[in-house]
Amino acid sequence: MASITIDKVRKSYGAHEVLHGVSIDIRDGEFVTLVGPSGCGKSTLLRMIAGLEPITGGKLSSDGKVLNDLAPKERDIAMVFQNYALYPHMTVAQNMGFSLRLRRAGKAEFDEKVNRAADILGLNDLLERYPGQLSGGQRQRVAMGRAIVRDPSVFLFDEPLSNLDAKLRVQMRIEIKALHERLKTTTIYVTHDQVEAMTMADKIVVMRDGVIEQMGSPLDLYDDPDNRFVAGFLGSPSMNFIEARAVDPVTGRIAIDDQLSFPAGRLRTHAGPVTVGIRPEQVRVDTDGLPAQVEAVEPMGADTHLVVSVAGQSLAIVLHERLRVRIGEKIQINLPEDQLYFFEPENGARIRP
């Protein structure tokens, strides 16, 4: 195991800079998820840590040892790729033990390490099969087994579940997290799926356009986002945003249009336009509130998901009950004052009353 320090790391392809001085401290044994939309630089950063991409600027170190110019094989880091990268002509055992063969390990060491990884991942009955005879989930386990056999100080995962169906993704998330709890190996995991980030990580690093927007524990980022981007990226369904025209300092109410307004809570001193955020699960269907028209109804069993229109703006609602409403029906909703977030309309920065 090892700690990883990423200090003002930059990456450029010619004149195009894709990482703009990224800094992250990753503790020994920590599970860190790099999350963000496609093209934000998270996979590029992971490949730089692995040594598969050269570093343009800054410093990358592990336990104080600078890694910038070290070859991948000298970094004691194992990477699990999105496409598994298995050799089709090799058995499961041969694929898992490939790194051992490269360094000419003896048969006893090969068998011991491959069987240990197979025990951890439940692959004992598949060791003589070929990748073409395996399901997607089994292939992913083999790729993970190949990394485990190396007994690295750091695991890197590059969107490893993106090729799996929804049910299998849930199962593999649980297995990867259980693997980390068992091995305690420092893990850096790249995904664009915020559900994976929220459920697996000790620390989430939210990236956009080559910079870090915010980092912290999953619940810290969910409850206390620094800006509209982070607030909207974490959570499913994502946070609602209402574009409001003004805050009346006398009544302390936020106006949506000439007729509709709602209590601003703590935001009594802010003048001018404001973006109001509220999580779907915090919106209440009430008998006294803002008039809304139902645009969509999704019965989810115990929960009901709605999309409603308020003054031409769409809001998602998650109700922990079975509500029988129809599309086009008029209802009223309430936005609890203590559950509101406020953002600058122009740059999305959080307004903290």
Protein backbone atom coordinates (compact mmCIF):
# COMPACT_ATOMS: atom_id res chain seq x y z
CA MET A 1 0.00 0.00 0.00
CA ALA A 2 1.06 3.57 -0.58
CA SER A 3 0.00 7.18 -0.49
CA ILE A 4 -0.16 9.16 -3.73
CA THR A 5 0.55 12.88 -4.05
CA ILE A 6 -0.51 14.72 -7.21
CA ASP A 7 1.05 18.18 -7.09
CA LYS A 8 0.02 20.79 -9.68
CA VAL A 9 0.06 18.21 -12.46
CA ARG A 10 -0.50 19.48 -15.98
CA LYS A 11 -1.01 17.70 -19.29
CA SER A 12 -0.85 19.21 -22.76
CA TYR A 13 -1.15 17.81 -26.25
CA GLY A 14 0.70 20.40 -28.25
CA ALA A 15 -0.91 23.76 -27.56
CA HIS A 16 -4.02 22.13 -26.08
CA GLU A 17 -3.89 21.81 -22.28
CA VAL A 18 -6.26 19.19 -20.86
CA LEU A 19 -5.17 19.24 -17.18
CA HIS A 20 -4.55 22.62 -15.56
CA GLY A 21 -2.45 22.09 -12.44
CA VAL A 22 -4.36 19.35 -10.61
CA SER A 23 -3.44 18.65 -6.96
CA ILE A 24 -4.78 15.72 -4.89
CA ASP A 25 -3.48 14.00 -1.75
CA ILE A 26 -4.52 10.34 -1.52
CA ARG A 27 -3.91 8.59 1.79
CA ASP A 28 -2.55 5.08 2.18
CA GLY A 29 -5.44 2.63 1.80
CA GLU A 30 -7.94 5.27 0.66
CA PHE A 31 -10.55 4.61 -2.06
CA VAL A 32 -10.71 7.74 -4.22
CA THR A 33 -13.07 8.22 -7.15
CA LEU A 34 -12.36 10.65 -9.97
CA VAL A 35 -15.71 11.64 -11.42
CA GLY A 36 -16.88 14.05 -14.07
CA PRO A 37 -18.33 14.27 -17.58
CA SER A 38 -16.58 12.80 -20.62
CA GLY A 39 -13.56 14.85 -21.62
CA CYS A 40 -12.90 16.34 -18.16
CA GLY A 41 -9.43 14.74 -17.93
CA LYS A 42 -10.05 12.03 -15.34
CA SER A 43 -8.88 9.08 -17.50
CA THR A 44 -5.89 11.08 -18.71
CA LEU A 45 -4.90 11.71 -15.09
CA LEU A 46 -5.26 8.01 -14.28
CA ARG A 47 -3.04 7.04 -17.22
CA MET A 48 -0.43 9.55 -16.07
CA ILE A 49 -0.41 7.95 -12.62
CA ALA A 50 0.04 4.55 -14.29
CA GLY A 51 2.90 5.87 -16.43
CA LEU A 52 1.04 5.35 -19.71
CA GLU A 53 1.00 9.11 -20.44
CA PRO A 54 3.94 11.48 -19.88
CA ILE A 55 3.49 14.37 -17.48
CA THR A 56 3.78 17.85 -18.97
CA GLY A 57 4.29 19.62 -15.65
CA GLY A 58 4.00 19.21 -11.91
CA LYS A 59 5.02 16.29 -9.73
CA LEU A 60 3.57 12.86 -9.09
CA SER A 61 4.91 10.89 -6.13
CA SER A 62 4.18 7.76 -4.11
CA ASP A 63 5.27 7.67 -0.46
CA GLY A 64 7.62 10.55 -1.27
CA LYS A 65 9.19 8.80 -4.30
CA VAL A 66 8.86 10.86 -7.48
CA LEU A 67 7.21 8.83 -10.27
CA ASN A 68 7.33 11.35 -13.13
CA ASP A 69 10.01 9.59 -15.18
CA LEU A 70 9.60 6.01 -13.97
CA ALA A 71 8.48 3.33 -16.42
CA PRO A 72 5.06 1.74 -15.68
CA LYS A 73 6.64 -1.54 -14.53
CA GLU A 74 8.70 0.35 -11.94
CA ARG A 75 5.73 2.07 -10.25
CA ASP A 76 4.22 -0.90 -8.35
CA ILE A 77 0.80 0.09 -9.73
CA ALA A 78 -1.76 -2.22 -11.35
CA MET A 79 -4.49 -0.98 -13.70
CA VAL A 80 -7.85 -2.50 -14.60
CA PHE A 81 -9.07 -1.27 -17.98
CA GLN A 82 -12.55 -0.59 -19.31
CA ASN A 83 -12.26 -3.22 -22.06
CA TYR A 84 -10.68 -5.92 -19.81
CA ALA A 85 -7.65 -6.29 -22.17
CA LEU A 86 -7.54 -10.09 -21.83
CA TYR A 87 -5.56 -12.31 -24.18
CA PRO A 88 -8.14 -14.46 -26.03
CA HIS A 89 -5.72 -17.36 -26.65
CA MET A 90 -4.84 -17.70 -22.95
CA THR A 91 -6.84 -19.40 -20.22
CA VAL A 92 -8.13 -17.51 -17.20
CA ALA A 93 -5.19 -18.76 -15.13
CA GLN A 94 -2.70 -17.73 -17.82
CA ASN A 95 -4.25 -14.28 -18.14
CA MET A 96 -4.23 -13.74 -14.39
CA GLY A 97 -0.64 -14.90 -14.03
CA PHE A 98 0.77 -13.17 -17.12
CA SER A 99 2.88 -10.70 -15.11
CA LEU A 100 4.37 -13.62 -13.18
CA ARG A 101 5.38 -15.33 -16.40
CA LEU A 102 7.04 -12.11 -17.62
CA ARG A 103 9.31 -12.04 -14.60
CA ARG A 104 9.88 -15.82 -14.84
CA ALA A 105 8.25 -16.76 -11.55
CA GLY A 106 8.39 -20.44 -10.63
CA LYS A 107 5.38 -22.76 -10.89
CA ALA A 108 4.83 -22.83 -7.13
CA GLU A 109 4.65 -19.03 -6.90
CA PHE A 110 2.46 -18.87 -10.02
CA ASP A 111 -0.03 -21.39 -8.67
CA GLU A 112 -0.08 -19.84 -5.19
CA LYS A 113 -0.78 -16.30 -6.35
CA VAL A 114 -3.25 -17.21 -9.10
CA ASN A 115 -5.19 -19.53 -6.79
CA ARG A 116 -5.25 -16.88 -4.05
CA ALA A 117 -6.72 -14.32 -6.47
CA ALA A 118 -9.17 -16.91 -7.77
CA ASP A 119 -10.31 -17.62 -4.19
CA ILE A 120 -10.88 -13.91 -3.55
CA LEU A 121 -12.88 -13.42 -6.75
CA GLY A 122 -14.70 -16.75 -6.97
CA LEU A 123 -12.93 -17.85 -10.16
CA ASN A 124 -11.68 -21.29 -9.06
CA ASP A 125 -14.02 -23.17 -11.42
CA LEU A 126 -13.12 -20.98 -14.41
CA LEU A 127 -9.31 -21.16 -14.42
CA GLU A 128 -9.12 -23.43 -17.49
CA ARG A 129 -11.65 -21.48 -19.56
CA TYR A 130 -10.85 -18.90 -22.22
CA PRO A 131 -12.15 -15.30 -22.24
CA GLY A 132 -14.56 -16.09 -25.08
CA GLN A 133 -16.29 -18.60 -22.81
CA LEU A 134 -16.93 -16.04 -20.05
CA SER A 135 -19.66 -13.48 -19.34
CA GLY A 136 -18.85 -9.79 -19.07
CA GLY A 137 -18.84 -9.92 -15.30
CA GLN A 138 -16.54 -12.95 -15.27
CA ARG A 139 -14.12 -11.23 -17.65
CA GLN A 140 -14.04 -8.21 -15.35
CA ARG A 141 -13.20 -10.46 -12.42
CA VAL A 142 -10.33 -11.96 -14.42
CA ALA A 143 -9.01 -8.47 -15.17
CA MET A 144 -9.21 -7.66 -11.46
CA GLY A 145 -7.50 -10.97 -10.66
CA ARG A 146 -4.62 -10.11 -12.96
CA ALA A 147 -4.14 -6.90 -10.96
CA ILE A 148 -4.38 -8.70 -7.59
CA VAL A 149 -1.75 -11.25 -8.61
CA ARG A 150 0.78 -8.44 -8.97
CA ASP A 151 0.19 -7.51 -5.29
CA PRO A 152 0.60 -3.80 -6.11
CA SER A 153 0.70 -0.85 -3.74
CA VAL A 154 -1.98 0.96 -5.79
CA PHE A 155 -4.96 -0.20 -7.86
CA LEU A 156 -6.21 1.95 -10.75
CA PHE A 157 -9.66 1.34 -12.26
CA ASP A 158 -10.61 3.07 -15.53
CA GLU A 159 -14.43 2.91 -15.86
CA PRO A 160 -14.37 -0.87 -15.35
CA LEU A 161 -18.16 -1.35 -15.23
CA SER A 162 -19.27 0.69 -18.24
CA ASN A 163 -19.66 -2.40 -20.47
CA LEU A 164 -21.90 -4.27 -18.03
CA ASP A 165 -25.69 -4.27 -17.74
CA ALA A 166 -27.38 -2.40 -14.89
CA LYS A 167 -27.92 -5.40 -12.59
CA LEU A 168 -24.36 -6.65 -13.02
CA ARG A 169 -22.98 -3.16 -12.40
CA VAL A 170 -24.62 -3.13 -8.98
CA GLN A 171 -23.18 -6.56 -8.16
CA MET A 172 -19.68 -5.61 -9.33
CA ARG A 173 -19.77 -2.33 -7.36
CA ILE A 174 -20.38 -4.36 -4.22
CA GLU A 175 -17.61 -6.80 -5.10
CA ILE A 176 -15.02 -4.09 -5.83
CA LYS A 177 -15.82 -2.31 -2.57
CA ALA A 178 -15.62 -5.61 -0.68
CA LEU A 179 -12.28 -6.32 -2.36
CA HIS A 180 -10.95 -2.97 -1.16
CA GLU A 181 -12.17 -3.63 2.38
CA ARG A 182 -10.36 -6.96 2.33
CA LEU A 183 -7.06 -5.93 0.74
CA LYS A 184 -6.88 -2.30 2.02
CA THR A 185 -4.93 -1.34 -1.12
CA THR A 186 -4.92 2.31 -2.15
CA THR A 187 -7.45 2.58 -4.99
CA ILE A 188 -8.10 5.29 -7.58
CA TYR A 189 -11.29 4.69 -9.55
CA VAL A 190 -12.41 6.66 -12.61
CA THR A 191 -16.07 6.87 -13.58
CA HIS A 192 -18.61 9.24 -15.12
CA ASP A 193 -21.35 7.51 -13.10
CA GLN A 194 -22.11 9.52 -9.97
CA VAL A 195 -23.92 6.53 -8.40
CA GLU A 196 -20.67 4.54 -8.51
CA ALA A 197 -18.83 7.49 -7.01
CA MET A 198 -21.34 7.99 -4.20
CA THR A 199 -21.60 4.34 -3.20
CA MET A 200 -17.95 3.27 -3.41
CA ALA A 201 -15.60 6.11 -2.52
CA ASP A 202 -14.04 7.35 0.70
CA LYS A 203 -13.30 10.56 -1.20
CA ILE A 204 -14.75 11.93 -4.43
CA VAL A 205 -12.85 14.29 -6.72
CA VAL A 206 -15.26 16.09 -9.07
CA MET A 207 -13.55 17.29 -12.26
CA ARG A 208 -14.61 19.50 -15.14
CA ASP A 209 -12.57 20.79 -18.09
CA GLY A 210 -9.26 19.71 -16.59
CA VAL A 211 -9.70 21.30 -13.16
CA ILE A 212 -11.00 20.08 -9.81
CA GLU A 213 -14.34 21.61 -8.90
CA GLN A 214 -14.48 20.09 -5.40
CA MET A 215 -13.26 17.10 -3.41
CA GLY A 216 -14.42 15.52 -0.19
CA SER A 217 -16.46 12.65 1.23
CA PRO A 218 -19.56 11.62 -0.77
CA LEU A 219 -22.02 13.02 1.77
CA ASP A 220 -20.04 16.24 2.25
CA LEU A 221 -20.21 16.95 -1.48
CA TYR A 222 -23.87 15.94 -1.65
CA ASP A 223 -24.92 18.07 1.32
CA ASP A 224 -22.56 21.01 0.87
CA PRO A 225 -21.63 21.56 -2.81
CA ASP A 226 -19.43 24.54 -3.65
CA ASN A 227 -21.17 25.35 -6.92
CA ARG A 228 -24.04 24.52 -9.21
CA PHE A 229 -22.00 22.02 -11.25
CA VAL A 230 -21.17 19.83 -8.25
CA ALA A 231 -24.70 20.18 -6.89
CA GLY A 232 -26.19 19.04 -10.18
CA PHE A 233 -23.69 16.29 -10.87
CA LEU A 234 -24.18 14.36 -7.62
CA GLY A 235 -27.60 12.93 -6.89
CA SER A 236 -30.08 10.86 -8.88
CA PRO A 237 -32.39 12.40 -9.97
CA SER A 238 -30.17 15.47 -10.00
CA MET A 239 -30.85 18.66 -8.07
CA ASN A 240 -33.60 20.95 -9.36
CA PHE A 241 -32.64 24.49 -10.33
CA ILE A 242 -35.16 27.33 -10.44
CA GLU A 243 -34.24 30.57 -12.15
CA ALA A 244 -35.75 33.32 -10.00
CA ARG A 245 -35.97 37.00 -10.77
CA ALA A 246 -35.41 38.70 -7.46
CA VAL A 247 -35.45 38.54 -3.68
CA ASP A 248 -37.77 40.96 -1.92
CA PRO A 249 -35.81 42.20 1.14
CA VAL A 250 -39.03 43.27 2.87
CA THR A 251 -41.03 40.04 2.59
CA GLY A 252 -38.03 37.74 2.28
CA ARG A 253 -39.61 35.97 -0.68
CA ILE A 254 -38.09 34.87 -3.97
CA ALA A 255 -40.10 35.81 -7.05
CA ILE A 256 -40.27 33.36 -9.94
CA ASP A 257 -42.50 35.65 -12.00
CA ASP A 258 -44.96 38.48 -11.38
CA GLN A 259 -47.40 36.19 -9.54
CA LEU A 260 -45.42 33.31 -8.01
CA SER A 261 -43.02 33.56 -5.08
CA PHE A 262 -41.86 31.44 -2.16
CA PRO A 263 -39.99 32.04 1.12
CA ALA A 264 -36.26 32.67 0.67
CA GLY A 265 -35.32 31.45 4.11
CA ARG A 266 -31.88 32.81 5.02
CA LEU A 267 -31.37 34.61 1.70
CA ARG A 268 -32.98 37.88 2.80
CA THR A 269 -30.17 40.28 1.94
CA HIS A 270 -29.48 39.13 -1.64
CA ALA A 271 -30.76 41.50 -4.31
CA GLY A 272 -31.28 40.56 -7.93
CA PRO A 273 -31.50 37.30 -9.89
CA VAL A 274 -30.66 34.03 -8.18
CA THR A 275 -30.65 30.33 -9.03
CA VAL A 276 -32.41 28.28 -6.36
CA GLY A 277 -31.59 24.60 -5.94
CA ILE A 278 -33.52 21.87 -4.16
CA ARG A 279 -33.12 18.10 -4.19
CA PRO A 280 -36.07 16.15 -5.66
CA GLU A 281 -36.60 14.20 -2.45
CA GLN A 282 -37.03 17.48 -0.50
CA VAL A 283 -39.90 18.84 -2.61
CA ARG A 284 -43.28 18.31 -0.93
CA VAL A 285 -46.69 17.88 -2.54
CA ASP A 286 -48.96 20.05 -0.41
CA THR A 287 -52.38 21.66 -0.31
CA ASP A 288 -50.90 25.13 0.06
CA GLY A 289 -47.94 26.01 -2.12
CA LEU A 290 -46.81 26.79 -5.65
CA PRO A 291 -49.20 25.70 -8.42
CA ALA A 292 -47.69 23.00 -10.60
CA GLN A 293 -48.81 20.83 -13.51
CA VAL A 294 -47.81 17.17 -13.70
CA GLU A 295 -45.74 16.40 -16.82
CA ALA A 296 -44.67 12.83 -16.05
CA VAL A 297 -45.46 10.11 -13.51
CA GLU A 298 -43.16 7.16 -12.79
CA PRO A 299 -44.49 4.68 -10.20
CA MET A 300 -41.38 2.99 -8.73
CA GLY A 301 -43.09 0.64 -6.29
CA ALA A 302 -42.57 2.15 -2.85
CA ASP A 303 -41.69 5.55 -4.36
CA THR A 304 -43.30 7.80 -6.94
CA HIS A 305 -41.22 9.99 -9.26
CA LEU A 306 -42.87 13.06 -10.77
CA VAL A 307 -41.86 15.77 -13.19
CA VAL A 308 -43.90 18.93 -12.80
CA SER A 309 -43.92 22.35 -14.44
CA VAL A 310 -43.86 25.51 -12.32
CA ALA A 311 -44.06 28.80 -14.25
CA GLY A 312 -42.61 27.06 -17.28
CA GLN A 313 -39.72 25.44 -15.37
CA SER A 314 -39.49 21.67 -14.85
CA LEU A 315 -38.88 20.15 -11.43
CA ALA A 316 -38.29 16.50 -10.51
CA ILE A 317 -39.92 15.18 -7.34
CA VAL A 318 -39.24 11.94 -5.48
CA LEU A 319 -42.04 10.98 -3.10
CA HIS A 320 -41.61 8.12 -0.66
CA GLU A 321 -45.22 7.08 -1.11
CA ARG A 322 -47.61 5.88 -3.78
CA LEU A 323 -49.27 8.98 -5.13
CA ARG A 324 -52.03 8.56 -7.69
CA VAL A 325 -51.88 11.52 -10.03
CA ARG A 326 -52.27 11.83 -13.79
CA ILE A 327 -50.32 13.69 -16.44
CA GLY A 328 -51.84 17.14 -16.88
CA GLU A 329 -53.26 17.24 -13.35
CA LYS A 330 -52.80 20.42 -11.30
CA ILE A 331 -51.16 20.02 -7.89
CA GLN A 332 -49.41 22.27 -5.38
CA ILE A 333 -45.85 21.87 -4.16
CA ASN A 334 -43.90 23.24 -1.22
CA LEU A 335 -40.18 24.07 -1.15
CA PRO A 336 -38.96 23.84 2.48
CA GLU A 337 -36.87 26.90 3.34
CA ASP A 338 -34.19 24.91 5.17
CA GLN A 339 -33.60 22.67 2.12
CA LEU A 340 -32.85 25.43 -0.40
CA TYR A 341 -29.48 26.08 -2.01
CA PHE A 342 -28.60 29.35 -3.73
CA PHE A 343 -26.24 29.98 -6.65
CA GLU A 344 -25.06 32.91 -8.74
CA PRO A 345 -26.86 32.72 -12.12
CA GLU A 346 -23.82 33.79 -14.13
CA ASN A 347 -21.00 31.61 -12.81
CA GLY A 348 -22.83 29.02 -10.68
CA ALA A 349 -20.91 29.88 -7.49
CA ARG A 350 -22.65 28.97 -4.24
CA ILE A 351 -24.24 31.83 -2.30
CA ARG A 352 -23.88 31.06 1.38
CA PRO A 353 -26.22 33.32 3.43
